[in-house]
Amino acid sequence: MAFKEDSQIKDLKKRIALYEEILDMITEGVFVTDPDGKIVFINKFSCVLENMDRDSVIGKNEYEIAGGREAYSLDHKQIDMFPKDGSRYFYNSGKAPLMTNCYPFYFDGKLENYYSLGFFLDYTKVQLTKILEFQQKLLNSTGKSNNETTFTLDDFIGTSPEVKKMLDIARLVAMKDSNVMIYGETGTGKEIIAQGIHNGSPHREGKFVAVNCAAIPENLMESILFGSTKGAFTGAADKKGLIEEAANGTLFLDEINSMPYSIQGKMLRVLQEKTFQRVGGKTTIKATCRFLSACNQDPWELMREGSLREDLFFRLSTVILFIPPLSERMEDLEPLIQGFIEKGNRRYRTSVTGLDPACLTLLEQYSWPGNVRELEHLIEYMMNMNNGDPVLKVKDLPPYFVQSTKSQQRNHGEISAEGTLKQRMERFEAEIIGSTLEKNGFNISKTARELGIRRETLHYRIKKLEIKTKHPLQNE
């Protein structure tokens, strides 16, 4: 029996020695006191941090070790009031902040000890963190961040169901690494979404490189995208292309349908093989960027026309995001107006509060062919014309807008003046769609193309507005 007890005691001592060795190996300070504050254990890292000898502090009161500084010693009377994780800041000799997690230890329902896990925060790192936080605040208020972006997904204004759904999907796919195609009319905010996806992605620390394919001459497109080597053509130099510039970041190909067909084939190979060569070069380079793309027309229509390769489309569009035109989400008009007014107030140091009702009515009746971009420019113009009034008025509107609304009002003259604004606008919309369908032989594709909307959107509006046609609709 005695032998068994001796064996158990020996095993227990071994276990205690093992635990103490483990505690000595970790890079956090650990010390344990009894209920009266007497130190019963302290690990090597604590001794290094405090410049203390372990043997000289065991058995002493922690308050005494702390030099009588209550801010450092554990306040056992208050320990039960600590947050659940025990986190609390203390200070070592008033020089460097010490983060400690303090906990009471109970055995058989009786308080036996207090133990603390702590580590010192390097003063330089603390100051650096403060500097970085300040830089981020400054960047948020003044412009582009270090990765060449200005926007996050939170900057896209909209509360309509279509926009909410689009943003939910964008936030979800941002965290992944798949290629995304963004489809929407000119001025709907495609680059805001692209930048937002980049800033919500694992690539956020890398560069966001955007290129408008419609703005690059065809003979320069290849070297701009893939780079060039010296002597590849007259005047060529060793130069990185945009794919290399976006390494470990994101390359945003705007108006992808404007990319020459031959270059589309080469881009397809990059997407398939994840490698490319500079123009005139023989070295194979890895493509490490994520590809986002955008088009301002229905991609299926573009493929039918032959301006977008089908195989490239499927490589670029693992996920497709559709941004509805402003005319299809008029409930977002007022929040957008308010956002642009606030932006103008910051820029011009003014205090405009909104639009007067007559002016807002005109904006609600407008068709917004230029979408959100046109609205932003309109509000900026009005704020420049405003002469200190607290609200923007009809007199502040640009001449083109006034003429356009007058023309629309003349066209609306034959529409019944009864009902709410929404009901009147729906009747007018139904008349436009009906007459355009008839003009195009009730062909959905031709009508959608003329109206500048998707075929799916046209089908939806016909059903929603209960438009009756003289002849069956033709899909092609």
Protein backbone atom coordinates (compact mmCIF):
# COMPACT_ATOMS: atom_id res chain seq x y z
CA MET A 1 0.00 0.00 0.00
CA ALA A 2 2.82 2.37 0.97
CA PHE A 3 4.62 1.45 -2.28
CA LYS A 4 1.50 2.37 -4.27
CA GLU A 5 1.23 5.73 -2.50
CA ASP A 6 4.93 6.43 -3.09
CA SER A 7 4.43 5.62 -6.77
CA GLN A 8 1.43 7.96 -6.99
CA ILE A 9 3.38 10.75 -5.28
CA LYS A 10 6.28 10.21 -7.69
CA ASP A 11 3.91 10.38 -10.68
CA LEU A 12 2.34 13.51 -9.27
CA LYS A 13 5.74 15.17 -8.82
CA LYS A 14 6.64 14.23 -12.41
CA ARG A 15 3.42 15.75 -13.68
CA ILE A 16 3.99 18.96 -11.69
CA ALA A 17 7.56 19.19 -13.02
CA LEU A 18 6.27 18.70 -16.57
CA TYR A 19 3.62 21.40 -16.15
CA GLU A 20 6.17 23.82 -14.70
CA GLU A 21 8.55 23.17 -17.60
CA ILE A 22 5.73 23.80 -20.09
CA LEU A 23 4.86 27.06 -18.32
CA ASP A 24 8.52 28.07 -18.44
CA MET A 25 8.62 27.51 -22.20
CA ILE A 26 5.70 29.75 -23.17
CA THR A 27 6.33 33.38 -24.14
CA GLU A 28 3.74 34.90 -21.82
CA GLY A 29 4.23 35.89 -18.25
CA VAL A 30 2.53 33.56 -15.75
CA PHE A 31 2.37 34.06 -12.00
CA VAL A 32 0.16 32.58 -9.31
CA THR A 33 -0.69 33.94 -5.86
CA ASP A 34 -2.61 32.68 -2.88
CA PRO A 35 -5.76 34.53 -1.71
CA ASP A 36 -3.59 36.91 0.34
CA GLY A 37 -1.44 37.91 -2.62
CA LYS A 38 1.61 35.80 -1.78
CA ILE A 39 3.40 34.57 -4.92
CA VAL A 40 3.49 30.77 -5.11
CA PHE A 41 4.67 30.42 -8.72
CA ILE A 42 6.20 32.61 -11.41
CA ASN A 43 7.52 31.40 -14.77
CA LYS A 44 10.81 32.31 -16.46
CA PHE A 45 9.25 34.72 -18.94
CA SER A 46 7.73 36.79 -16.10
CA CYS A 47 11.15 36.96 -14.46
CA VAL A 48 12.72 38.17 -17.71
CA LEU A 49 9.99 40.78 -18.23
CA GLU A 50 10.29 42.03 -14.66
CA ASN A 51 14.06 41.56 -14.36
CA MET A 52 13.54 39.48 -11.22
CA ASP A 53 15.12 36.37 -9.72
CA ARG A 54 12.53 33.62 -9.25
CA ASP A 55 13.87 32.37 -5.92
CA SER A 56 13.86 35.88 -4.49
CA VAL A 57 10.18 36.55 -5.19
CA ILE A 58 8.52 33.21 -4.33
CA GLY A 59 6.72 33.63 -1.02
CA LYS A 60 6.69 37.43 -1.18
CA ASN A 61 3.55 39.51 -1.56
CA GLU A 62 2.91 40.70 -5.09
CA TYR A 63 2.10 44.19 -3.80
CA GLU A 64 5.59 44.34 -2.33
CA ILE A 65 7.14 43.10 -5.60
CA ALA A 66 5.23 45.78 -7.50
CA GLY A 67 6.85 48.43 -5.35
CA GLY A 68 3.58 49.35 -3.69
CA ARG A 69 1.93 50.22 -7.01
CA GLU A 70 -1.69 49.14 -6.84
CA ALA A 71 -2.06 49.67 -10.57
CA TYR A 72 0.23 46.72 -11.17
CA SER A 73 -0.66 44.31 -8.37
CA LEU A 74 -3.77 42.17 -8.62
CA ASP A 75 -6.76 43.65 -6.83
CA HIS A 76 -8.27 40.46 -5.47
CA LYS A 77 -11.30 42.25 -4.11
CA GLN A 78 -12.21 43.40 -7.62
CA ILE A 79 -11.21 40.33 -9.59
CA ASP A 80 -14.78 39.01 -9.74
CA MET A 81 -15.78 42.26 -11.41
CA PHE A 82 -13.28 41.81 -14.27
CA PRO A 83 -14.65 41.03 -17.72
CA LYS A 84 -15.22 37.34 -18.37
CA ASP A 85 -11.97 37.11 -20.33
CA GLY A 86 -10.16 38.76 -17.43
CA SER A 87 -8.52 41.36 -19.65
CA ARG A 88 -7.17 44.42 -17.94
CA TYR A 89 -4.26 46.82 -18.53
CA PHE A 90 -1.57 47.23 -15.90
CA TYR A 91 1.79 48.97 -16.15
CA ASN A 92 5.35 47.87 -15.54
CA SER A 93 7.32 50.63 -13.80
CA GLY A 94 5.22 53.12 -15.75
CA LYS A 95 7.27 52.37 -18.90
CA ALA A 96 5.43 49.83 -21.04
CA PRO A 97 1.82 48.64 -21.02
CA LEU A 98 1.23 45.15 -19.70
CA MET A 99 -1.86 43.20 -20.73
CA THR A 100 -2.87 40.64 -18.11
CA ASN A 101 -5.69 38.15 -17.88
CA CYS A 102 -6.49 37.48 -14.24
CA TYR A 103 -8.63 34.64 -12.90
CA PRO A 104 -9.60 33.17 -9.50
CA PHE A 105 -9.00 29.42 -9.00
CA TYR A 106 -11.46 27.40 -6.92
CA PHE A 107 -11.01 23.85 -5.64
CA ASP A 108 -13.91 21.99 -4.02
CA GLY A 109 -15.80 25.28 -3.96
CA LYS A 110 -13.06 27.05 -2.00
CA LEU A 111 -10.92 29.91 -3.30
CA GLU A 112 -7.35 28.60 -3.41
CA ASN A 113 -5.36 30.86 -5.73
CA TYR A 114 -5.33 33.66 -8.24
CA TYR A 115 -3.39 33.26 -11.46
CA SER A 116 -2.46 35.74 -14.14
CA LEU A 117 -1.28 35.43 -17.75
CA GLY A 118 0.37 38.54 -19.10
CA PHE A 119 2.57 39.96 -21.82
CA PHE A 120 4.16 43.33 -22.39
CA LEU A 121 3.28 45.41 -25.42
CA ASP A 122 6.36 46.90 -26.99
CA TYR A 123 6.11 50.71 -26.74
CA THR A 124 7.22 51.17 -30.34
CA LYS A 125 4.52 48.79 -31.54
CA VAL A 126 1.90 50.64 -29.51
CA GLN A 127 2.93 53.96 -31.06
CA LEU A 128 3.10 52.39 -34.53
CA THR A 129 -0.43 51.03 -34.12
CA LYS A 130 -1.66 54.51 -33.20
CA ILE A 131 0.10 55.99 -36.25
CA LEU A 132 -1.41 53.36 -38.56
CA GLU A 133 -4.88 53.97 -37.12
CA PHE A 134 -4.45 57.71 -37.70
CA GLN A 135 -3.22 57.10 -41.27
CA GLN A 136 -6.27 54.95 -41.98
CA LYS A 137 -8.62 57.65 -40.68
CA LEU A 138 -6.79 60.19 -42.83
CA LEU A 139 -7.00 57.98 -45.91
CA ASN A 140 -10.70 57.35 -45.32
CA SER A 141 -11.34 61.08 -45.30
CA THR A 142 -9.04 62.17 -48.11
CA GLY A 143 -8.78 59.57 -50.82
CA LYS A 144 -7.07 56.41 -51.95
CA SER A 145 -5.64 53.79 -49.63
CA ASN A 146 -2.27 52.13 -50.00
CA ASN A 147 -3.72 49.52 -52.38
CA GLU A 148 -4.91 52.17 -54.86
CA THR A 149 -8.58 52.01 -53.88
CA THR A 150 -11.08 54.57 -52.62
CA PHE A 151 -14.19 52.49 -51.93
CA THR A 152 -15.49 49.57 -49.91
CA LEU A 153 -18.83 47.82 -50.40
CA ASP A 154 -20.26 50.00 -47.61
CA ASP A 155 -19.80 53.01 -49.91
CA PHE A 156 -22.36 51.68 -52.39
CA ILE A 157 -25.59 53.49 -51.47
CA GLY A 158 -28.83 51.60 -51.87
CA THR A 159 -31.60 50.00 -49.85
CA SER A 160 -33.76 48.56 -52.64
CA PRO A 161 -34.23 44.76 -52.55
CA GLU A 162 -32.21 44.31 -55.76
CA VAL A 163 -29.26 46.28 -54.40
CA LYS A 164 -29.37 44.56 -51.00
CA LYS A 165 -29.29 41.16 -52.67
CA MET A 166 -26.43 42.20 -54.97
CA LEU A 167 -24.38 43.55 -52.03
CA ASP A 168 -25.01 40.40 -49.97
CA ILE A 169 -23.64 38.26 -52.82
CA ALA A 170 -20.71 40.67 -53.34
CA ARG A 171 -19.72 40.43 -49.66
CA LEU A 172 -19.93 36.65 -49.83
CA VAL A 173 -17.82 36.22 -52.98
CA ALA A 174 -15.32 38.88 -51.86
CA MET A 175 -13.97 36.48 -49.25
CA LYS A 176 -13.35 33.81 -51.87
CA ASP A 177 -10.87 33.83 -54.75
CA SER A 178 -13.17 33.26 -57.74
CA ASN A 179 -13.37 35.56 -60.76
CA VAL A 180 -16.38 37.89 -60.77
CA MET A 181 -18.08 39.69 -63.67
CA ILE A 182 -20.06 42.84 -62.90
CA TYR A 183 -22.78 43.78 -65.35
CA GLY A 184 -24.57 47.12 -65.36
CA GLU A 185 -25.26 50.17 -67.48
CA THR A 186 -22.73 52.99 -67.69
CA GLY A 187 -22.72 55.02 -64.49
CA THR A 188 -24.25 52.40 -62.19
CA GLY A 189 -21.14 52.05 -60.00
CA LYS A 190 -19.36 48.95 -61.29
CA GLU A 191 -15.90 50.07 -60.16
CA ILE A 192 -17.18 50.82 -56.65
CA ILE A 193 -18.32 47.20 -56.44
CA ALA A 194 -15.01 45.98 -57.90
CA GLN A 195 -12.98 47.98 -55.37
CA GLY A 196 -15.31 46.83 -52.60
CA ILE A 197 -14.78 43.17 -53.53
CA HIS A 198 -11.01 43.72 -53.54
CA ASN A 199 -11.08 45.37 -50.11
CA GLY A 200 -13.13 42.53 -48.67
CA SER A 201 -10.88 39.83 -50.13
CA PRO A 202 -7.70 37.97 -49.15
CA HIS A 203 -5.98 40.13 -51.82
CA ARG A 204 -6.75 43.41 -50.02
CA GLU A 205 -3.09 44.06 -49.15
CA GLY A 206 -2.15 43.82 -52.83
CA LYS A 207 -2.75 46.46 -55.49
CA PHE A 208 -6.07 47.09 -57.17
CA VAL A 209 -5.25 47.76 -60.83
CA ALA A 210 -8.08 48.96 -63.08
CA VAL A 211 -7.98 49.22 -66.86
CA ASN A 212 -10.69 50.43 -69.23
CA CYS A 213 -10.31 48.17 -72.26
CA ALA A 214 -12.20 50.66 -74.44
CA ALA A 215 -9.61 53.37 -73.75
CA ILE A 216 -6.52 51.44 -74.92
CA PRO A 217 -5.52 51.42 -78.62
CA GLU A 218 -5.65 47.91 -80.06
CA ASN A 219 -1.96 47.91 -81.05
CA LEU A 220 -0.91 48.69 -77.46
CA MET A 221 -3.32 46.42 -75.61
CA GLU A 222 -1.09 43.32 -75.55
CA SER A 223 2.04 45.06 -74.22
CA ILE A 224 0.04 47.03 -71.65
CA LEU A 225 -1.56 43.87 -70.26
CA PHE A 226 1.35 41.43 -70.52
CA GLY A 227 4.39 43.73 -70.46
CA SER A 228 7.24 43.91 -72.94
CA THR A 229 10.92 43.08 -73.32
CA LYS A 230 13.58 45.31 -74.82
CA GLY A 231 13.68 45.05 -78.61
CA ALA A 232 10.30 43.30 -78.93
CA PHE A 233 9.18 46.19 -81.15
CA THR A 234 10.39 49.68 -82.00
CA GLY A 235 10.89 51.61 -78.77
CA ALA A 236 10.07 48.61 -76.57
CA ALA A 237 11.72 48.42 -73.14
CA ASP A 238 11.70 45.90 -70.32
CA LYS A 239 8.45 46.80 -68.63
CA LYS A 240 5.91 45.09 -66.43
CA GLY A 241 2.37 44.72 -67.71
CA LEU A 242 -0.77 45.26 -65.69
CA ILE A 243 -1.05 41.56 -64.81
CA GLU A 244 2.37 41.78 -63.13
CA GLU A 245 1.52 45.13 -61.51
CA ALA A 246 -1.50 43.47 -59.92
CA ALA A 247 0.51 40.52 -58.53
CA ASN A 248 -1.13 39.21 -55.34
CA GLY A 249 -3.82 41.83 -55.82
CA THR A 250 -6.72 42.36 -58.23
CA LEU A 251 -6.86 43.24 -61.93
CA PHE A 252 -10.15 44.87 -62.92
CA LEU A 253 -10.90 44.66 -66.66
CA ASP A 254 -13.61 47.24 -67.32
CA GLU A 255 -15.59 47.10 -70.59
CA ILE A 256 -14.13 43.66 -71.28
CA ASN A 257 -16.20 43.42 -74.48
CA SER A 258 -14.06 46.22 -75.98
CA MET A 259 -10.94 44.04 -75.72
CA PRO A 260 -9.80 42.95 -79.22
CA TYR A 261 -10.87 39.39 -80.04
CA SER A 262 -7.26 38.23 -80.51
CA ILE A 263 -6.28 39.55 -77.07
CA GLN A 264 -9.34 37.86 -75.55
CA GLY A 265 -7.85 34.54 -76.70
CA LYS A 266 -4.55 35.32 -74.97
CA MET A 267 -6.35 36.39 -71.80
CA LEU A 268 -8.21 33.08 -71.87
CA ARG A 269 -4.88 31.24 -71.80
CA VAL A 270 -3.74 33.30 -68.79
CA LEU A 271 -6.94 32.39 -66.94
CA GLN A 272 -6.55 28.71 -67.81
CA GLU A 273 -2.81 28.26 -67.26
CA LYS A 274 -2.23 30.99 -64.65
CA THR A 275 0.95 31.89 -66.57
CA PHE A 276 1.95 34.31 -69.35
CA GLN A 277 4.96 35.78 -71.14
CA ARG A 278 5.82 39.39 -71.85
CA VAL A 279 5.65 40.51 -75.47
CA GLY A 280 8.93 39.39 -77.05
CA GLY A 281 9.93 37.44 -73.95
CA LYS A 282 10.55 33.76 -73.34
CA THR A 283 10.36 33.66 -69.54
CA THR A 284 7.13 32.23 -68.17
CA ILE A 285 5.62 34.39 -65.41
CA LYS A 286 2.97 33.28 -62.91
CA ALA A 287 -0.27 35.26 -62.82
CA THR A 288 -1.05 35.66 -59.11
CA CYS A 289 -3.82 38.24 -59.27
CA ARG A 290 -7.57 37.85 -59.03
CA PHE A 291 -9.52 38.87 -62.12
CA LEU A 292 -12.63 41.04 -61.91
CA SER A 293 -14.33 42.24 -65.09
CA ALA A 294 -17.25 44.40 -66.12
CA CYS A 295 -19.42 45.11 -69.14
CA ASN A 296 -22.14 47.70 -69.72
CA GLN A 297 -24.29 45.51 -71.97
CA ASP A 298 -26.00 42.16 -71.54
CA PRO A 299 -23.10 39.63 -71.74
CA TRP A 300 -25.31 37.02 -73.42
CA GLU A 301 -26.19 39.57 -76.09
CA LEU A 302 -22.50 40.42 -76.47
CA MET A 303 -21.68 36.75 -77.03
CA ARG A 304 -24.44 36.49 -79.65
CA GLU A 305 -23.02 39.56 -81.40
CA GLY A 306 -19.53 38.04 -81.35
CA SER A 307 -17.85 40.85 -79.37
CA LEU A 308 -17.24 38.64 -76.31
CA ARG A 309 -15.75 35.16 -76.50
CA GLU A 310 -17.99 32.58 -74.86
CA ASP A 311 -15.06 30.63 -73.37
CA LEU A 312 -13.55 33.82 -71.93
CA PHE A 313 -16.92 34.82 -70.50
CA PHE A 314 -17.27 31.56 -68.59
CA ARG A 315 -13.72 31.85 -67.23
CA LEU A 316 -14.33 35.40 -66.02
CA SER A 317 -17.85 34.91 -64.67
CA THR A 318 -17.72 32.27 -61.95
CA VAL A 319 -20.09 34.73 -60.28
CA ILE A 320 -22.09 37.43 -62.09
CA LEU A 321 -23.29 40.53 -60.25
CA PHE A 322 -26.00 42.66 -61.85
CA ILE A 323 -26.27 46.32 -60.80
CA PRO A 324 -29.76 47.58 -61.69
CA PRO A 325 -30.03 50.99 -63.39
CA LEU A 326 -31.17 53.90 -61.26
CA SER A 327 -34.51 54.01 -63.11
CA GLU A 328 -35.28 50.53 -61.70
CA ARG A 329 -34.46 51.43 -58.09
CA MET A 330 -35.99 54.85 -57.62
CA GLU A 331 -36.44 54.18 -53.89
CA ASP A 332 -32.66 54.72 -53.69
CA LEU A 333 -32.89 58.19 -55.25
CA GLU A 334 -33.28 60.17 -52.02
CA PRO A 335 -30.51 58.33 -50.09
CA LEU A 336 -28.18 58.89 -53.06
CA ILE A 337 -29.09 62.58 -53.27
CA GLN A 338 -28.43 63.00 -49.55
CA GLY A 339 -25.09 61.19 -49.83
CA PHE A 340 -23.93 63.44 -52.67
CA ILE A 341 -25.09 66.56 -50.82
CA GLU A 342 -23.08 65.53 -47.74
CA LYS A 343 -20.06 64.92 -49.97
CA GLY A 344 -20.53 68.38 -51.51
CA ASN A 345 -20.87 70.01 -48.09
CA ARG A 346 -17.50 68.57 -47.06
CA ARG A 347 -15.89 69.67 -50.31
CA TYR A 348 -17.33 73.19 -50.51
CA ARG A 349 -17.73 73.81 -46.76
CA THR A 350 -21.43 74.45 -47.16
CA SER A 351 -24.44 73.34 -45.12
CA VAL A 352 -27.09 72.35 -47.68
CA THR A 353 -29.72 70.12 -46.07
CA GLY A 354 -31.55 68.71 -49.10
CA LEU A 355 -33.81 69.49 -52.09
CA ASP A 356 -37.04 71.43 -52.03
CA PRO A 357 -40.15 69.32 -52.87
CA ALA A 358 -40.66 70.74 -56.38
CA CYS A 359 -37.08 69.97 -57.33
CA LEU A 360 -37.27 66.45 -55.89
CA THR A 361 -40.42 65.76 -57.92
CA LEU A 362 -38.61 66.66 -61.15
CA LEU A 363 -35.74 64.34 -60.26
CA GLU A 364 -38.20 61.53 -59.52
CA GLN A 365 -39.82 61.97 -62.94
CA TYR A 366 -36.52 61.88 -64.84
CA SER A 367 -35.40 58.68 -66.62
CA TRP A 368 -31.70 58.90 -65.58
CA PRO A 369 -29.98 57.52 -68.71
CA GLY A 370 -26.60 58.30 -67.10
CA ASN A 371 -27.59 56.56 -63.87
CA VAL A 372 -25.90 57.35 -60.53
CA ARG A 373 -22.95 59.10 -62.17
CA GLU A 374 -25.33 61.56 -63.86
CA LEU A 375 -27.09 62.15 -60.53
CA GLU A 376 -23.78 62.84 -58.78
CA HIS A 377 -22.73 65.37 -61.45
CA LEU A 378 -26.18 66.98 -61.30
CA ILE A 379 -25.99 67.48 -57.52
CA GLU A 380 -22.44 68.84 -57.83
CA TYR A 381 -23.62 71.34 -60.48
CA MET A 382 -26.55 72.42 -58.28
CA MET A 383 -24.28 72.95 -55.27
CA ASN A 384 -22.07 75.18 -57.41
CA MET A 385 -25.11 77.19 -58.57
CA ASN A 386 -26.62 77.42 -55.09
CA ASN A 387 -26.23 80.88 -53.60
CA GLY A 388 -26.34 80.11 -49.90
CA ASP A 389 -29.86 78.65 -49.75
CA PRO A 390 -30.28 75.83 -47.20
CA VAL A 391 -31.94 73.67 -49.87
CA LEU A 392 -31.29 73.11 -53.59
CA LYS A 393 -34.05 74.46 -55.83
CA VAL A 394 -35.32 74.17 -59.40
CA LYS A 395 -33.38 77.34 -60.31
CA ASP A 396 -30.14 75.47 -59.51
CA LEU A 397 -30.78 72.73 -62.09
CA PRO A 398 -28.65 72.65 -65.28
CA PRO A 399 -30.35 73.83 -68.52
CA TYR A 400 -30.15 70.40 -70.21
CA PHE A 401 -32.09 68.85 -67.34
CA VAL A 402 -34.82 71.48 -67.40
CA GLN A 403 -35.24 71.06 -71.18
CA SER A 404 -35.32 67.28 -70.87
CA THR A 405 -37.98 67.30 -68.17
CA LYS A 406 -40.11 69.76 -70.17
CA SER A 407 -39.90 67.42 -73.17
CA GLN A 408 -40.86 64.45 -71.01
CA GLN A 409 -43.79 66.39 -69.58
CA ARG A 410 -45.06 67.13 -73.11
CA ASN A 411 -44.83 63.44 -73.94
CA HIS A 412 -46.62 62.60 -70.71
CA GLY A 413 -49.45 64.96 -71.54
CA GLU A 414 -51.66 62.25 -73.00
CA ILE A 415 -51.24 60.01 -69.95
CA SER A 416 -54.04 60.16 -67.39
CA ALA A 417 -53.31 62.67 -64.64
CA GLU A 418 -55.15 60.60 -62.06
CA GLY A 419 -53.51 58.56 -59.31
CA THR A 420 -50.27 58.77 -57.38
CA LEU A 421 -46.92 59.66 -58.94
CA LYS A 422 -45.93 55.99 -58.94
CA GLN A 423 -49.18 54.96 -60.67
CA ARG A 424 -48.80 57.66 -63.33
CA MET A 425 -45.18 56.69 -63.99
CA GLU A 426 -46.12 53.01 -64.31
CA ARG A 427 -48.82 53.88 -66.87
CA PHE A 428 -46.31 55.91 -68.84
CA GLU A 429 -43.71 53.11 -68.65
CA ALA A 430 -46.29 50.56 -69.83
CA GLU A 431 -47.12 52.75 -72.83
CA ILE A 432 -43.44 53.10 -73.79
CA ILE A 433 -42.79 49.35 -73.50
CA GLY A 434 -45.98 48.49 -75.40
CA SER A 435 -45.27 50.84 -78.29
CA THR A 436 -41.62 49.72 -78.53
CA LEU A 437 -42.68 46.06 -78.58
CA GLU A 438 -45.12 46.77 -81.39
CA LYS A 439 -42.47 48.71 -83.32
CA ASN A 440 -40.08 45.72 -83.08
CA GLY A 441 -42.63 43.08 -84.05
CA PHE A 442 -43.01 41.98 -80.41
CA ASN A 443 -39.41 40.74 -80.43
CA ILE A 444 -38.07 40.73 -76.86
CA SER A 445 -34.36 40.95 -77.76
CA LYS A 446 -34.79 43.89 -80.17
CA THR A 447 -37.07 45.75 -77.75
CA ALA A 448 -34.72 45.24 -74.80
CA ARG A 449 -31.78 46.43 -76.89
CA GLU A 450 -33.61 49.58 -77.98
CA LEU A 451 -34.73 50.36 -74.43
CA GLY A 452 -31.24 49.66 -73.07
CA ILE A 453 -32.34 47.02 -70.58
CA ARG A 454 -31.82 43.28 -70.14
CA ARG A 455 -34.23 40.80 -71.70
CA GLU A 456 -34.90 39.43 -68.19
CA THR A 457 -35.71 42.94 -66.97
CA LEU A 458 -38.09 43.49 -69.89
CA HIS A 459 -39.92 40.21 -69.16
CA TYR A 460 -40.19 41.25 -65.50
CA ARG A 461 -41.58 44.73 -66.33
CA ILE A 462 -44.13 43.29 -68.81
CA LYS A 463 -45.40 40.91 -66.14
CA LYS A 464 -45.34 43.49 -63.32
CA LEU A 465 -47.14 46.16 -65.36
CA GLU A 466 -49.58 43.58 -66.78
CA ILE A 467 -48.90 44.71 -70.35
CA LYS A 468 -51.20 43.04 -72.88
CA THR A 469 -49.91 42.63 -76.45
CA LYS A 470 -51.77 42.13 -79.73
CA HIS A 471 -49.48 39.26 -80.75
CA PRO A 472 -47.39 36.62 -78.92
CA LEU A 473 -43.94 37.73 -77.80
CA GLN A 474 -40.94 36.50 -79.79
CA ASN A 475 -37.80 35.63 -77.82
CA GLU A 476 -35.42 35.96 -80.76
